[in-house]
Amino acid sequence: MPRPPAGTPNARDKLLDAALSVIRAKGYSATSVDDLCAAAGVTKGAFFHHFRSKEALAVVAADHWSETTGGLFASAAYHRQTDPLDRVLGYVDFRRSLIAGEVCEFTCLVGTMVQEAYDAHPDIAAACGRSIFGHARTLEADIAEAMERRGMAGGGWTAAGLARHTQAVLQGAFILAKAGGGPDAAVEQIDHLKRYITLLFEARPGEGLPS
């Protein structure tokens, strides 16, 4: 996933940016402090000046990922759509447009880390959870407005639940890409997600998906 440009980074920022790339490519467990220092072009002394451990860096890196990608999504063109459903579908289209290059370039840092850390490293897991669920919450207002405009409140599902479902599909799409399907496997699942949301909103109030 591309990242917005920033100013000249210091050693701490270089290490955080390196973490976004290296951990997505190698995984958290396989990434060493030496790997991070080499990618950042800094010394081990600089690493331990800013972070007491690799785990401490990973927690901060999860927040750094949220801040960095949050800016990317906040400035995306889909927000200019007047219909809230078009904004939701535009978000899905935008996610699809980011699927390009090597798998490690478009997959999610926090999704990568939480699969390894959810039990062994609770602080990392919590930071990843804040990132994933926090991003899902950015979709809730548009989904809720789309539901309200179409009289869909009380239909057995919620805006929050659908927002979380988008992230479940995206993270699953990344897993399929890593499992050997590559970008095409991820794109296929995102296309299914768009079809699902479209059909969900075509259903009449009180009904399920069209048969």
C-alpha atoms as a PDB file:
ATOM      1  CA  MET A   1       0.000   0.000   0.000  1.00  0.00           C
ATOM      2  CA  PRO A   2       1.546   3.354  -0.959  1.00  0.00           C
ATOM      3  CA  ARG A   3       2.280   5.886   1.741  1.00  0.00           C
ATOM      4  CA  PRO A   4       1.989   9.673   1.570  1.00  0.00           C
ATOM      5  CA  PRO A   5       5.242  11.660   1.326  1.00  0.00           C
ATOM      6  CA  ALA A   6       6.719  13.024   4.518  1.00  0.00           C
ATOM      7  CA  GLY A   7       9.541  15.283   5.571  1.00  0.00           C
ATOM      8  CA  THR A   8      13.125  14.172   6.134  1.00  0.00           C
ATOM      9  CA  PRO A   9      12.902  11.352   8.713  1.00  0.00           C
ATOM     10  CA  ASN A  10      15.037  10.985  11.818  1.00  0.00           C
ATOM     11  CA  ALA A  11      16.384   7.620  13.029  1.00  0.00           C
ATOM     12  CA  ARG A  12      13.154   6.791  14.856  1.00  0.00           C
ATOM     13  CA  ASP A  13      11.029   7.528  11.808  1.00  0.00           C
ATOM     14  CA  LYS A  14      13.404   5.586   9.580  1.00  0.00           C
ATOM     15  CA  LEU A  15      13.046   2.557  11.841  1.00  0.00           C
ATOM     16  CA  LEU A  16       9.257   2.810  11.833  1.00  0.00           C
ATOM     17  CA  ASP A  17       9.152   3.118   8.053  1.00  0.00           C
ATOM     18  CA  ALA A  18      11.521   0.153   7.786  1.00  0.00           C
ATOM     19  CA  ALA A  19       9.211  -1.866  10.030  1.00  0.00           C
ATOM     20  CA  LEU A  20       6.282  -1.239   7.679  1.00  0.00           C
ATOM     21  CA  SER A  21       8.225  -2.739   4.795  1.00  0.00           C
ATOM     22  CA  VAL A  22      10.339  -5.446   6.408  1.00  0.00           C
ATOM     23  CA  ILE A  23       7.670  -6.962   8.651  1.00  0.00           C
ATOM     24  CA  ARG A  24       5.194  -7.151   5.772  1.00  0.00           C
ATOM     25  CA  ALA A  25       7.832  -8.959   3.708  1.00  0.00           C
ATOM     26  CA  LYS A  26       9.227 -11.324   6.359  1.00  0.00           C
ATOM     27  CA  GLY A  27       6.681 -11.447   9.153  1.00  0.00           C
ATOM     28  CA  TYR A  28       7.167 -10.248  12.714  1.00  0.00           C
ATOM     29  CA  SER A  29       8.921 -13.326  14.097  1.00  0.00           C
ATOM     30  CA  ALA A  30      11.401 -13.610  11.228  1.00  0.00           C
ATOM     31  CA  THR A  31      12.309  -9.925  11.353  1.00  0.00           C
ATOM     32  CA  SER A  32      15.341  -9.163  13.496  1.00  0.00           C
ATOM     33  CA  VAL A  33      16.577  -5.914  14.974  1.00  0.00           C
ATOM     34  CA  ASP A  34      19.518  -6.223  12.575  1.00  0.00           C
ATOM     35  CA  ASP A  35      17.082  -6.442   9.635  1.00  0.00           C
ATOM     36  CA  LEU A  36      15.314  -3.295  10.763  1.00  0.00           C
ATOM     37  CA  CYS A  37      18.537  -1.383  11.319  1.00  0.00           C
ATOM     38  CA  ALA A  38      19.886  -2.410   7.920  1.00  0.00           C
ATOM     39  CA  ALA A  39      16.697  -1.373   6.143  1.00  0.00           C
ATOM     40  CA  ALA A  40      16.593   1.921   8.016  1.00  0.00           C
ATOM     41  CA  GLY A  41      20.303   2.615   7.591  1.00  0.00           C
ATOM     42  CA  VAL A  42      20.831   3.199  11.309  1.00  0.00           C
ATOM     43  CA  THR A  43      22.928   1.576  14.022  1.00  0.00           C
ATOM     44  CA  LYS A  44      21.760  -0.803  16.717  1.00  0.00           C
ATOM     45  CA  GLY A  45      22.613   1.893  19.201  1.00  0.00           C
ATOM     46  CA  ALA A  46      20.131   4.178  17.483  1.00  0.00           C
ATOM     47  CA  PHE A  47      17.514   1.426  17.612  1.00  0.00           C
ATOM     48  CA  PHE A  48      17.834   0.891  21.351  1.00  0.00           C
ATOM     49  CA  HIS A  49      17.964   4.616  21.965  1.00  0.00           C
ATOM     50  CA  HIS A  50      14.400   4.852  20.649  1.00  0.00           C
ATOM     51  CA  PHE A  51      12.945   1.403  21.419  1.00  0.00           C
ATOM     52  CA  ARG A  52      13.653  -0.944  24.304  1.00  0.00           C
ATOM     53  CA  SER A  53      12.878  -4.039  22.191  1.00  0.00           C
ATOM     54  CA  LYS A  54      11.542  -5.264  18.862  1.00  0.00           C
ATOM     55  CA  GLU A  55       8.156  -5.733  20.514  1.00  0.00           C
ATOM     56  CA  ALA A  56       8.116  -2.111  21.669  1.00  0.00           C
ATOM     57  CA  LEU A  57       8.868  -0.978  18.128  1.00  0.00           C
ATOM     58  CA  ALA A  58       6.085  -3.188  16.747  1.00  0.00           C
ATOM     59  CA  VAL A  59       3.513  -1.580  19.044  1.00  0.00           C
ATOM     60  CA  VAL A  60       4.526   1.901  17.901  1.00  0.00           C
ATOM     61  CA  ALA A  61       4.719   0.699  14.281  1.00  0.00           C
ATOM     62  CA  ALA A  62       1.066  -0.369  14.444  1.00  0.00           C
ATOM     63  CA  ASP A  63       0.084   3.143  15.491  1.00  0.00           C
ATOM     64  CA  HIS A  64       2.411   4.595  12.840  1.00  0.00           C
ATOM     65  CA  TRP A  65       0.692   2.416  10.238  1.00  0.00           C
ATOM     66  CA  SER A  66      -2.709   3.729  11.315  1.00  0.00           C
ATOM     67  CA  GLU A  67      -1.572   7.344  11.123  1.00  0.00           C
ATOM     68  CA  THR A  68       0.155   6.916   7.766  1.00  0.00           C
ATOM     69  CA  THR A  69      -2.562   4.957   6.010  1.00  0.00           C
ATOM     70  CA  GLY A  70      -5.249   7.025   7.714  1.00  0.00           C
ATOM     71  CA  GLY A  71      -4.018  10.064   5.830  1.00  0.00           C
ATOM     72  CA  LEU A  72      -4.100   8.134   2.572  1.00  0.00           C
ATOM     73  CA  PHE A  73      -7.724   7.117   3.056  1.00  0.00           C
ATOM     74  CA  ALA A  74      -8.844  10.495   4.408  1.00  0.00           C
ATOM     75  CA  SER A  75      -7.654  12.250   1.247  1.00  0.00           C
ATOM     76  CA  ALA A  76      -9.094   9.690  -1.204  1.00  0.00           C
ATOM     77  CA  ALA A  77     -11.498  10.884  -3.898  1.00  0.00           C
ATOM     78  CA  TYR A  78     -14.369   8.578  -2.894  1.00  0.00           C
ATOM     79  CA  HIS A  79     -15.233  10.953  -0.039  1.00  0.00           C
ATOM     80  CA  ARG A  80     -16.454  13.479  -2.630  1.00  0.00           C
ATOM     81  CA  GLN A  81     -19.381  11.256  -3.673  1.00  0.00           C
ATOM     82  CA  THR A  82     -22.729  12.709  -2.568  1.00  0.00           C
ATOM     83  CA  ASP A  83     -24.514   9.379  -2.027  1.00  0.00           C
ATOM     84  CA  PRO A  84     -23.206   7.589   1.077  1.00  0.00           C
ATOM     85  CA  LEU A  85     -23.538   4.182  -0.602  1.00  0.00           C
ATOM     86  CA  ASP A  86     -21.384   5.451  -3.449  1.00  0.00           C
ATOM     87  CA  ARG A  87     -18.802   6.476  -0.848  1.00  0.00           C
ATOM     88  CA  VAL A  88     -18.844   2.985   0.660  1.00  0.00           C
ATOM     89  CA  LEU A  89     -18.513   1.338  -2.748  1.00  0.00           C
ATOM     90  CA  GLY A  90     -15.891   3.919  -3.667  1.00  0.00           C
ATOM     91  CA  TYR A  91     -13.910   2.854  -0.618  1.00  0.00           C
ATOM     92  CA  VAL A  92     -14.011  -0.744  -1.859  1.00  0.00           C
ATOM     93  CA  ASP A  93     -12.903   0.389  -5.319  1.00  0.00           C
ATOM     94  CA  PHE A  94     -10.068   2.363  -3.744  1.00  0.00           C
ATOM     95  CA  ARG A  95      -8.914  -0.703  -1.805  1.00  0.00           C
ATOM     96  CA  ARG A  96      -8.968  -2.650  -5.077  1.00  0.00           C
ATOM     97  CA  SER A  97      -6.830  -0.006  -6.769  1.00  0.00           C
ATOM     98  CA  LEU A  98      -4.135  -0.475  -4.122  1.00  0.00           C
ATOM     99  CA  ILE A  99      -3.632  -4.145  -5.053  1.00  0.00           C
ATOM    100  CA  ALA A 100      -0.521  -3.853  -7.194  1.00  0.00           C
ATOM    101  CA  GLY A 101       3.087  -4.990  -7.164  1.00  0.00           C
ATOM    102  CA  GLU A 102       4.560  -7.609  -4.855  1.00  0.00           C
ATOM    103  CA  VAL A 103       2.297  -9.131  -2.222  1.00  0.00           C
ATOM    104  CA  CYS A 104       4.242  -7.505   0.604  1.00  0.00           C
ATOM    105  CA  GLU A 105       3.674  -4.101  -0.987  1.00  0.00           C
ATOM    106  CA  PHE A 106      -0.118  -4.160  -0.752  1.00  0.00           C
ATOM    107  CA  THR A 107      -0.789  -6.281   2.320  1.00  0.00           C
ATOM    108  CA  CYS A 108      -1.477  -4.950   5.800  1.00  0.00           C
ATOM    109  CA  LEU A 109       1.166  -4.533   8.490  1.00  0.00           C
ATOM    110  CA  VAL A 110      -1.211  -4.973  11.410  1.00  0.00           C
ATOM    111  CA  GLY A 111      -2.987  -7.910   9.792  1.00  0.00           C
ATOM    112  CA  THR A 112       0.398  -9.543   9.289  1.00  0.00           C
ATOM    113  CA  MET A 113       1.545  -8.958  12.859  1.00  0.00           C
ATOM    114  CA  VAL A 114      -1.638  -9.909  14.676  1.00  0.00           C
ATOM    115  CA  GLN A 115      -1.695 -13.390  13.156  1.00  0.00           C
ATOM    116  CA  GLU A 116       1.648 -14.096  14.806  1.00  0.00           C
ATOM    117  CA  ALA A 117       1.260 -12.014  17.955  1.00  0.00           C
ATOM    118  CA  TYR A 118      -2.338 -12.480  19.083  1.00  0.00           C
ATOM    119  CA  ASP A 119      -1.404 -14.846  21.935  1.00  0.00           C
ATOM    120  CA  ALA A 120       2.337 -14.516  22.454  1.00  0.00           C
ATOM    121  CA  HIS A 121       2.538 -10.705  22.326  1.00  0.00           C
ATOM    122  CA  PRO A 122      -0.662  -9.204  23.758  1.00  0.00           C
ATOM    123  CA  ASP A 123       0.573  -5.607  23.526  1.00  0.00           C
ATOM    124  CA  ILE A 124       1.191  -6.002  19.794  1.00  0.00           C
ATOM    125  CA  ALA A 125      -2.158  -7.739  19.346  1.00  0.00           C
ATOM    126  CA  ALA A 126      -3.923  -4.901  21.154  1.00  0.00           C
ATOM    127  CA  ALA A 127      -2.194  -2.295  18.999  1.00  0.00           C
ATOM    128  CA  CYS A 128      -3.161  -4.195  15.848  1.00  0.00           C
ATOM    129  CA  GLY A 129      -6.733  -4.453  17.084  1.00  0.00           C
ATOM    130  CA  ARG A 130      -6.892  -0.706  17.646  1.00  0.00           C
ATOM    131  CA  SER A 131      -5.716  -0.185  14.089  1.00  0.00           C
ATOM    132  CA  ILE A 132      -8.057  -2.659  12.383  1.00  0.00           C
ATOM    133  CA  PHE A 133     -11.182  -1.827  14.378  1.00  0.00           C
ATOM    134  CA  GLY A 134     -10.358   1.876  14.288  1.00  0.00           C
ATOM    135  CA  HIS A 135     -10.168   1.797  10.506  1.00  0.00           C
ATOM    136  CA  ALA A 136     -13.455  -0.113  10.335  1.00  0.00           C
ATOM    137  CA  ARG A 137     -15.109   2.626  12.384  1.00  0.00           C
ATOM    138  CA  THR A 138     -14.238   5.202   9.711  1.00  0.00           C
ATOM    139  CA  LEU A 139     -16.759   3.455   7.434  1.00  0.00           C
ATOM    140  CA  GLU A 140     -19.644   3.307   9.884  1.00  0.00           C
ATOM    141  CA  ALA A 141     -21.088   6.792   9.336  1.00  0.00           C
ATOM    142  CA  ASP A 142     -21.420   6.350   5.571  1.00  0.00           C
ATOM    143  CA  ILE A 143     -22.925   2.880   5.957  1.00  0.00           C
ATOM    144  CA  ALA A 144     -25.380   4.129   8.584  1.00  0.00           C
ATOM    145  CA  GLU A 145     -26.414   7.063   6.383  1.00  0.00           C
ATOM    146  CA  ALA A 146     -26.894   4.752   3.399  1.00  0.00           C
ATOM    147  CA  MET A 147     -29.074   2.489   5.546  1.00  0.00           C
ATOM    148  CA  GLU A 148     -31.138   5.419   6.818  1.00  0.00           C
ATOM    149  CA  ARG A 149     -31.739   6.815   3.332  1.00  0.00           C
ATOM    150  CA  ARG A 150     -33.021   3.433   2.194  1.00  0.00           C
ATOM    151  CA  GLY A 151     -35.105   2.690   5.283  1.00  0.00           C
ATOM    152  CA  MET A 152     -32.935  -0.276   6.213  1.00  0.00           C
ATOM    153  CA  ALA A 153     -32.632   0.212   9.983  1.00  0.00           C
ATOM    154  CA  GLY A 154     -33.593  -2.891  11.946  1.00  0.00           C
ATOM    155  CA  GLY A 155     -32.827  -5.249   9.094  1.00  0.00           C
ATOM    156  CA  GLY A 156     -30.884  -7.698  11.250  1.00  0.00           C
ATOM    157  CA  TRP A 157     -27.470  -6.156  10.672  1.00  0.00           C
ATOM    158  CA  THR A 158     -25.686  -2.984  11.704  1.00  0.00           C
ATOM    159  CA  ALA A 159     -23.402  -0.419  10.139  1.00  0.00           C
ATOM    160  CA  ALA A 160     -20.680  -1.406  12.596  1.00  0.00           C
ATOM    161  CA  GLY A 161     -21.011  -5.068  11.683  1.00  0.00           C
ATOM    162  CA  LEU A 162     -20.798  -4.411   7.943  1.00  0.00           C
ATOM    163  CA  ALA A 163     -17.807  -2.124   8.477  1.00  0.00           C
ATOM    164  CA  ARG A 164     -16.020  -4.918  10.335  1.00  0.00           C
ATOM    165  CA  HIS A 165     -17.020  -7.385   7.605  1.00  0.00           C
ATOM    166  CA  THR A 166     -15.200  -5.281   5.018  1.00  0.00           C
ATOM    167  CA  GLN A 167     -12.019  -5.668   7.039  1.00  0.00           C
ATOM    168  CA  ALA A 168     -12.550  -9.410   7.474  1.00  0.00           C
ATOM    169  CA  VAL A 169     -12.812  -9.797   3.695  1.00  0.00           C
ATOM    170  CA  LEU A 170      -9.784  -7.601   3.030  1.00  0.00           C
ATOM    171  CA  GLN A 171      -7.595  -9.386   5.566  1.00  0.00           C
ATOM    172  CA  GLY A 172      -8.742 -12.737   4.197  1.00  0.00           C
ATOM    173  CA  ALA A 173      -7.947 -11.539   0.684  1.00  0.00           C
ATOM    174  CA  PHE A 174      -4.408 -10.736   1.787  1.00  0.00           C
ATOM    175  CA  ILE A 175      -4.035 -14.229   3.254  1.00  0.00           C
ATOM    176  CA  LEU A 176      -5.125 -15.802  -0.036  1.00  0.00           C
ATOM    177  CA  ALA A 177      -2.618 -13.635  -1.885  1.00  0.00           C
ATOM    178  CA  LYS A 178       0.140 -14.764   0.489  1.00  0.00           C
ATOM    179  CA  ALA A 179      -0.937 -18.395   0.171  1.00  0.00           C
ATOM    180  CA  GLY A 180      -0.048 -18.348  -3.495  1.00  0.00           C
ATOM    181  CA  GLY A 181      -2.917 -16.639  -5.243  1.00  0.00           C
ATOM    182  CA  GLY A 182      -1.067 -13.359  -5.632  1.00  0.00           C
ATOM    183  CA  PRO A 183      -2.780 -10.048  -6.446  1.00  0.00           C
ATOM    184  CA  ASP A 184      -5.494 -11.704  -8.551  1.00  0.00           C
ATOM    185  CA  ALA A 185      -6.751 -13.670  -5.550  1.00  0.00           C
ATOM    186  CA  ALA A 186      -7.060 -10.501  -3.503  1.00  0.00           C
ATOM    187  CA  VAL A 187      -8.819  -8.613  -6.302  1.00  0.00           C
ATOM    188  CA  GLU A 188     -11.308 -11.466  -6.735  1.00  0.00           C
ATOM    189  CA  GLN A 189     -12.370 -11.263  -3.091  1.00  0.00           C
ATOM    190  CA  ILE A 190     -12.652  -7.472  -3.164  1.00  0.00           C
ATOM    191  CA  ASP A 191     -14.886  -7.746  -6.231  1.00  0.00           C
ATOM    192  CA  HIS A 192     -17.079 -10.208  -4.337  1.00  0.00           C
ATOM    193  CA  LEU A 193     -17.214  -7.764  -1.423  1.00  0.00           C
ATOM    194  CA  LYS A 194     -18.470  -5.005  -3.712  1.00  0.00           C
ATOM    195  CA  ARG A 195     -21.119  -7.311  -5.174  1.00  0.00           C
ATOM    196  CA  TYR A 196     -22.227  -8.329  -1.680  1.00  0.00           C
ATOM    197  CA  ILE A 197     -22.610  -4.741  -0.482  1.00  0.00           C
ATOM    198  CA  THR A 198     -24.470  -3.779  -3.657  1.00  0.00           C
ATOM    199  CA  LEU A 199     -26.901  -6.693  -3.286  1.00  0.00           C
ATOM    200  CA  LEU A 200     -27.338  -6.001   0.426  1.00  0.00           C
ATOM    201  CA  PHE A 201     -28.526  -2.484  -0.292  1.00  0.00           C
ATOM    202  CA  GLU A 202     -30.764  -3.631  -3.154  1.00  0.00           C
ATOM    203  CA  ALA A 203     -32.738  -5.835  -0.768  1.00  0.00           C
ATOM    204  CA  ARG A 204     -36.075  -4.394   0.378  1.00  0.00           C
ATOM    205  CA  PRO A 205     -36.291  -3.393   4.051  1.00  0.00           C
ATOM    206  CA  GLY A 206     -36.832  -6.430   6.246  1.00  0.00           C
ATOM    207  CA  GLU A 207     -35.598  -8.866   3.608  1.00  0.00           C
ATOM    208  CA  GLY A 208     -32.303 -10.639   3.206  1.00  0.00           C
ATOM    209  CA  LEU A 209     -30.192 -10.753   0.095  1.00  0.00           C
ATOM    210  CA  PRO A 210     -32.068 -11.132  -3.204  1.00  0.00           C
ATOM    211  CA  SER A 211     -32.325 -14.732  -4.402  1.00  0.00           C
END
